[in-house]
Amino acid sequence: MYELLRSIHRKLGIKYRIGRWIHYAQRFGMRGAVVTRRRIWAKSQGVQTVEIPGLAYAVALRTGTADASTLEKIFVWNDYDLAYPDDVKTIIDAGANIGLSAIFFATRFPEATIVAIEPESANFDLLQRNTHPYPKIIPLRAALWSEDMTLGLTNPGDHVDSYRYGAAATQDQVAALSVPSLLKRFGLELVDVMKIDIEGAEAQVFAGAPPWVGQVGMFIIELHGDPARDTFLAATSSLLATRYRHGEDEIVRVR
């Protein structure tokens, strides 16, 4: 996987590579950019901690894996640096992976309660480790789904950020929760921000245009394939919202 990720970055072109370097330098400084990029992309170094300017605590990640791409997305390319609703108090981070997005939200909105959901055990262990210093982040090992049930995990691409879950899979089973059950568990009537990156399960979560979509102020969602895209668009089509694409994500802001 290390070589695959490296080859992808090499093929993205000179404009991308220059922009990437500029963003690294803006976040880490000139020397820090070189050191940090080499460190997070180092092959076979296992779990390492990285200091990121602007964060109160270092983060742990698996070097040379998609963890490095996730760090770049959030803290180098600033993909979640968006216009948010006023007075954000509640955030659901579905597909929280190792917790970097939850940490971004906790730093941006220190008064917000953040429910960080991740189904895969190794990712969840790092999620707990990374978010432990942030008392407003609540880690939850679970999968987001259309109903409450038990699902199994698969990983056809063998990437640490591409675990999928479904009713037919029998390995690495995990509890699945519907959004209404999640809201009830944490006593939430409204969700100011819902970030979703769940590798295609969006098609299940938004099936049938569920009424709870009206309880969300802003969606940040990475859609995987046409079925997921069509289902999400149908579920949110009645919302009076601002819609645009930012990086890999579709943004729907109601408030």
Foldseek 3Di string as FASTA:
>chain_A
DLVVVVVVQVPPDDVSVVLQLVLLCVWQNNVGSVVVVCVQSPPPPQWDWDDTPLAPDTAIDGGSACVSVVCCCCRRVVLVPDDFDPPAAEEEEALCFLPPVVRVCCSVRVNHQYEYEAADDVSLVNNCVGCVVRVSYHYDHEHEFQAWDKWAWDDVPPGSSAIAIDNVHDHSIGIYHAPVVVCVVVVHQAHREYEHDHNARLLGNQPPLDPCVVRYQKYWYQHDDDSNVVSVCVNCVPAPFDWDDGVRTIMTGRD
